[in-house]
C-alpha atoms as a PDB file:
ATOM      1  CA  MET A   1     114.630  68.312 111.518  1.00  0.00           C
ATOM      2  CA  VAL A   2     111.024  69.394 111.118  1.00  0.00           C
ATOM      3  CA  GLU A   3     110.648  67.637 107.758  1.00  0.00           C
ATOM      4  CA  ASP A   4     111.419  64.127 109.402  1.00  0.00           C
ATOM      5  CA  THR A   5     109.490  65.099 112.709  1.00  0.00           C
ATOM      6  CA  VAL A   6     106.208  65.523 110.830  1.00  0.00           C
ATOM      7  CA  ARG A   7     107.188  62.407 108.538  1.00  0.00           C
ATOM      8  CA  PHE A   8     107.876  60.334 111.551  1.00  0.00           C
ATOM      9  CA  LEU A   9     105.131  61.562 114.206  1.00  0.00           C
ATOM     10  CA  ALA A  10     102.440  62.915 111.962  1.00  0.00           C
ATOM     11  CA  ASP A  11     102.802  60.906 108.810  1.00  0.00           C
ATOM     12  CA  ASN A  12     101.556  63.640 106.753  1.00  0.00           C
ATOM     13  CA  LYS A  13     102.749  63.460 103.356  1.00  0.00           C
ATOM     14  CA  LYS A  14     101.314  66.792 102.171  1.00  0.00           C
ATOM     15  CA  VAL A  15     102.928  68.660 104.864  1.00  0.00           C
ATOM     16  CA  VAL A  16     106.205  66.631 104.395  1.00  0.00           C
ATOM     17  CA  ASN A  17     106.280  67.517 100.588  1.00  0.00           C
ATOM     18  CA  ASP A  18     105.670  71.208 101.425  1.00  0.00           C
ATOM     19  CA  LEU A  19     108.503  71.135 103.521  1.00  0.00           C
ATOM     20  CA  ARG A  20     110.833  69.288 101.195  1.00  0.00           C
ATOM     21  CA  ARG A  21     109.725  71.628  98.009  1.00  0.00           C
ATOM     22  CA  LEU A  22     110.572  74.839 100.285  1.00  0.00           C
ATOM     23  CA  ARG A  23     114.239  72.837 101.416  1.00  0.00           C
ATOM     24  CA  HIS A  24     114.948  72.686  97.501  1.00  0.00           C
ATOM     25  CA  ARG A  25     113.951  76.254  96.592  1.00  0.00           C
ATOM     26  CA  VAL A  26     116.332  77.318  98.773  1.00  0.00           C
ATOM     27  CA  SER A  27     118.943  75.300  98.013  1.00  0.00           C
ATOM     28  CA  ARG A  28     118.657  76.323  94.238  1.00  0.00           C
ATOM     29  CA  ILE A  29     118.495  79.768  95.033  1.00  0.00           C
ATOM     30  CA  GLY A  30     121.678  79.243  97.374  1.00  0.00           C
ATOM     31  CA  SER A  31     123.542  77.831  94.962  1.00  0.00           C
ATOM     32  CA  ALA A  32     123.524  80.648  92.697  1.00  0.00           C
ATOM     33  CA  VAL A  33     126.070  82.492  95.122  1.00  0.00           C
ATOM     34  CA  TYR A  34     127.140  79.567  97.058  1.00  0.00           C
ATOM     35  CA  ASN A  35     130.540  80.118  95.662  1.00  0.00           C
ATOM     36  CA  LEU A  36     130.825  83.779  96.577  1.00  0.00           C
ATOM     37  CA  LEU A  37     129.757  83.222 100.215  1.00  0.00           C
ATOM     38  CA  ILE A  38     131.888  79.971 100.841  1.00  0.00           C
ATOM     39  CA  THR A  39     134.842  81.827  99.721  1.00  0.00           C
ATOM     40  CA  THR A  40     134.418  84.560 102.521  1.00  0.00           C
ATOM     41  CA  ARG A  41     133.941  81.879 105.170  1.00  0.00           C
ATOM     42  CA  ASP A  42     136.193  82.142 108.059  1.00  0.00           C
ATOM     43  CA  SER A  43     135.527  78.817 110.060  1.00  0.00           C
ATOM     44  CA  ASP A  44     138.677  79.019 112.291  1.00  0.00           C
ATOM     45  CA  GLY A  45     138.383  82.729 113.046  1.00  0.00           C
ATOM     46  CA  ASP A  46     134.315  82.884 113.342  1.00  0.00           C
ATOM     47  CA  VAL A  47     133.568  84.407 116.395  1.00  0.00           C
ATOM     48  CA  GLY A  48     130.289  82.409 116.627  1.00  0.00           C
ATOM     49  CA  LYS A  49     132.046  78.965 116.858  1.00  0.00           C
ATOM     50  CA  GLU A  50     132.330  79.018 120.530  1.00  0.00           C
ATOM     51  CA  PHE A  51     128.683  79.634 121.161  1.00  0.00           C
ATOM     52  CA  THR A  52     126.352  77.040 123.023  1.00  0.00           C
ATOM     53  CA  SER A  53     122.713  76.123 122.936  1.00  0.00           C
ATOM     54  CA  THR A  54     120.749  75.080 125.544  1.00  0.00           C
ATOM     55  CA  GLY A  55     118.836  71.773 125.329  1.00  0.00           C
ATOM     56  CA  PHE A  56     115.170  71.329 124.542  1.00  0.00           C
ATOM     57  CA  GLU A  57     112.357  70.104 127.435  1.00  0.00           C
ATOM     58  CA  THR A  58     109.569  69.396 124.791  1.00  0.00           C
ATOM     59  CA  LEU A  59     109.253  68.795 121.212  1.00  0.00           C
ATOM     60  CA  HIS A  60     107.228  71.992 120.957  1.00  0.00           C
ATOM     61  CA  GLU A  61     110.348  73.766 121.789  1.00  0.00           C
ATOM     62  CA  LEU A  62     112.226  71.655 119.348  1.00  0.00           C
ATOM     63  CA  VAL A  63     110.335  72.344 116.360  1.00  0.00           C
ATOM     64  CA  THR A  64     109.547  75.606 116.953  1.00  0.00           C
ATOM     65  CA  SER A  65     113.090  76.442 117.596  1.00  0.00           C
ATOM     66  CA  ASN A  66     113.865  74.762 114.308  1.00  0.00           C
ATOM     67  CA  PHE A  67     111.056  76.808 112.608  1.00  0.00           C
ATOM     68  CA  ARG A  68     112.599  79.878 113.913  1.00  0.00           C
ATOM     69  CA  ARG A  69     115.891  79.076 112.801  1.00  0.00           C
ATOM     70  CA  ALA A  70     114.844  78.256 109.352  1.00  0.00           C
ATOM     71  CA  GLN A  71     112.667  81.634 108.876  1.00  0.00           C
ATOM     72  CA  GLU A  72     115.723  83.669 110.182  1.00  0.00           C
ATOM     73  CA  ALA A  73     117.980  81.885 107.692  1.00  0.00           C
ATOM     74  CA  VAL A  74     115.740  82.593 104.892  1.00  0.00           C
ATOM     75  CA  ARG A  75     115.521  86.045 106.011  1.00  0.00           C
ATOM     76  CA  VAL A  76     119.180  86.216 106.134  1.00  0.00           C
ATOM     77  CA  LEU A  77     119.385  85.123 102.695  1.00  0.00           C
ATOM     78  CA  GLU A  78     116.505  87.196 101.374  1.00  0.00           C
ATOM     79  CA  GLU A  79     118.648  90.234 102.985  1.00  0.00           C
ATOM     80  CA  TYR A  80     121.762  89.696 101.116  1.00  0.00           C
ATOM     81  CA  SER A  81     119.979  88.704  98.248  1.00  0.00           C
ATOM     82  CA  ARG A  82     119.056  92.419  97.874  1.00  0.00           C
ATOM     83  CA  LEU A  83     122.906  92.798  96.990  1.00  0.00           C
ATOM     84  CA  LEU A  84     124.021  89.773  95.509  1.00  0.00           C
ATOM     85  CA  SER A  85     120.907  88.086  93.538  1.00  0.00           C
ATOM     86  CA  ARG A  86     118.022  90.598  93.470  1.00  0.00           C
ATOM     87  CA  ASP A  87     115.564  87.971  91.461  1.00  0.00           C
ATOM     88  CA  ALA A  88     115.877  85.945  94.469  1.00  0.00           C
ATOM     89  CA  VAL A  89     114.503  88.376  97.174  1.00  0.00           C
ATOM     90  CA  SER A  90     110.751  87.996  96.437  1.00  0.00           C
ATOM     91  CA  ASP A  91     111.279  84.115  95.982  1.00  0.00           C
ATOM     92  CA  LEU A  92     112.583  83.782  99.293  1.00  0.00           C
ATOM     93  CA  GLN A  93     110.196  86.440 100.867  1.00  0.00           C
ATOM     94  CA  ARG A  94     107.639  84.076  99.967  1.00  0.00           C
ATOM     95  CA  ILE A  95     109.283  81.080 101.244  1.00  0.00           C
ATOM     96  CA  ARG A  96     109.816  82.827 104.562  1.00  0.00           C
ATOM     97  CA  PHE A  97     106.118  83.298 104.767  1.00  0.00           C
ATOM     98  CA  ARG A  98     105.158  79.891 103.963  1.00  0.00           C
ATOM     99  CA  LEU A  99     107.425  78.819 106.881  1.00  0.00           C
ATOM    100  CA  TYR A 100     105.251  80.806 109.063  1.00  0.00           C
ATOM    101  CA  SER A 101     102.129  79.017 107.642  1.00  0.00           C
ATOM    102  CA  LEU A 102     103.447  75.619 107.988  1.00  0.00           C
ATOM    103  CA  GLU A 103     104.940  76.223 111.430  1.00  0.00           C
ATOM    104  CA  LYS A 104     101.396  77.074 112.564  1.00  0.00           C
ATOM    105  CA  GLN A 105     100.072  73.972 110.803  1.00  0.00           C
ATOM    106  CA  VAL A 106     102.640  71.534 111.910  1.00  0.00           C
ATOM    107  CA  VAL A 107     102.201  72.363 115.777  1.00  0.00           C
ATOM    108  CA  LYS A 108      98.411  71.875 115.234  1.00  0.00           C
ATOM    109  CA  LEU A 109      99.156  68.785 113.319  1.00  0.00           C
ATOM    110  CA  ILE A 110     101.122  66.571 115.352  1.00  0.00           C
ATOM    111  CA  ASN A 111      99.862  68.085 118.669  1.00  0.00           C
ATOM    112  CA  ILE A 112     102.899  68.643 120.351  1.00  0.00           C
ATOM    113  CA  ASN A 113     102.281  69.886 123.456  1.00  0.00           C
ATOM    114  CA  LYS A 114     101.301  66.381 124.403  1.00  0.00           C
ATOM    115  CA  VAL A 115     104.464  64.697 122.782  1.00  0.00           C
ATOM    116  CA  LYS A 116     107.401  64.530 124.705  1.00  0.00           C
ATOM    117  CA  PRO A 117     110.498  63.430 122.910  1.00  0.00           C
ATOM    118  CA  ARG A 118     112.509  60.220 124.982  1.00  0.00           C
ATOM    119  CA  ARG A 119     115.382  61.441 126.812  1.00  0.00           C
ATOM    120  CA  ARG A 120     118.494  59.007 126.049  1.00  0.00           C
ATOM    121  CA  LYS A 121     120.216  57.960 128.999  1.00  0.00           C
ATOM    122  CA  LYS A 122     123.698  58.974 129.463  1.00  0.00           C
ATOM    123  CA  SER A 123     126.006  56.271 128.689  1.00  0.00           C
ATOM    124  CA  LYS A 124     129.231  56.075 130.606  1.00  0.00           C
ATOM    125  CA  VAL A 125     132.624  56.545 129.071  1.00  0.00           C
ATOM    126  CA  ILE A 126     135.208  54.079 129.811  1.00  0.00           C
END
């Protein structure tokens, strides 16, 4: 989401490529333990499936929320890697700290305090 926001609103190839590289690194690290994790998933019985999320009023809220979600996800992977794949811990930590830096850069880059997403009109259900 953040990658596309930077791509479409700021058209900054360097930042887009940085975000893309991080996404691919996390994917490569995750693929090493994916089969183990997927076999333990219980989607039907997941206590979190009923959680709801509030909407966002500004692009700033949307972008920072998605950065935080990515940072938290990488932190979770980092912690689980201490048990499942110790080799990945330092790489995930570097990725997480790079996300912190990129968040600051992206917020500044697209000047999101002045840009608001257009809200779609609710369509009538017939």
